[in-house]
Protein backbone atom coordinates (compact mmCIF):
# COMPACT_ATOMS: atom_id res chain seq x y z
CA MET A 1 58.56 -110.67 95.05
CA MET A 2 58.04 -109.20 98.56
CA PRO A 3 60.42 -109.97 101.44
CA PRO A 4 58.93 -112.43 103.94
CA SER A 5 58.79 -109.78 106.62
CA GLU A 6 56.30 -107.67 104.57
CA LYS A 7 54.18 -110.69 103.62
CA TYR A 8 53.21 -111.81 107.18
CA THR A 9 52.09 -110.21 110.40
CA ARG A 10 54.39 -110.50 113.37
CA PHE A 11 52.09 -113.18 114.84
CA GLU A 12 52.08 -115.26 111.63
CA LYS A 13 55.89 -114.93 111.39
CA ALA A 14 56.27 -116.16 115.03
CA LYS A 15 53.90 -119.16 114.31
CA ILE A 16 55.71 -120.11 111.15
CA ILE A 17 59.20 -119.83 112.66
CA GLY A 18 58.09 -121.80 115.77
CA ALA A 19 56.42 -124.60 113.85
CA ARG A 20 59.37 -124.95 111.40
CA SER A 21 61.95 -124.84 114.21
CA LEU A 22 60.10 -127.62 115.97
CA GLN A 23 60.10 -129.69 112.80
CA ILE A 24 63.84 -129.30 112.36
CA ALA A 25 64.50 -130.11 116.06
CA MET A 26 62.43 -133.31 115.64
CA GLY A 27 64.60 -134.44 112.70
CA ALA A 28 63.10 -132.86 109.56
CA PRO A 29 65.67 -132.08 106.85
CA SER A 30 66.83 -128.52 106.45
CA LEU A 31 65.89 -126.79 103.14
CA LEU A 32 69.22 -124.95 103.10
CA ASP A 33 72.66 -126.40 103.38
CA LEU A 34 73.39 -125.26 106.94
CA THR A 35 74.94 -127.84 109.18
CA GLY A 36 75.89 -127.59 112.85
CA LYS A 37 73.62 -124.69 113.63
CA ASP A 38 70.77 -124.33 116.08
CA PRO A 39 67.24 -125.18 114.67
CA LEU A 40 66.09 -121.62 115.29
CA GLU A 41 69.10 -120.17 113.33
CA ILE A 42 68.37 -122.58 110.44
CA THR A 43 64.67 -121.65 110.47
CA MET A 44 65.48 -117.88 110.44
CA ALA A 45 67.74 -118.38 107.45
CA GLU A 46 64.99 -120.42 105.69
CA PHE A 47 62.46 -117.70 106.46
CA GLU A 48 64.63 -114.95 105.10
CA ALA A 49 65.27 -117.03 101.95
CA ASP A 50 61.50 -117.58 101.62
CA VAL A 51 61.79 -121.38 101.25
CA ILE A 52 59.63 -122.56 104.20
CA PRO A 53 56.76 -124.74 102.89
CA ILE A 54 54.19 -123.43 105.32
CA THR A 55 51.21 -121.37 104.26
CA VAL A 56 48.95 -118.97 106.09
CA LYS A 57 45.21 -118.98 105.58
CA ARG A 58 43.43 -115.81 106.44
CA ARG A 59 39.76 -115.32 107.01
CA LYS A 60 38.08 -112.80 104.77
């Protein structure tokens, strides 16, 4: 299994992290047991753990 940083371009990574961070800020539950942290910190931890349920569709 590849680390998330090798699987996505920097633009895809930014879009995924931004979208997930907004979800958490709006009240979505965290996928990791991290309480009392900033939504961006939670999202970064989720991204590194490769648990974010967001996919990227690429054109061929």
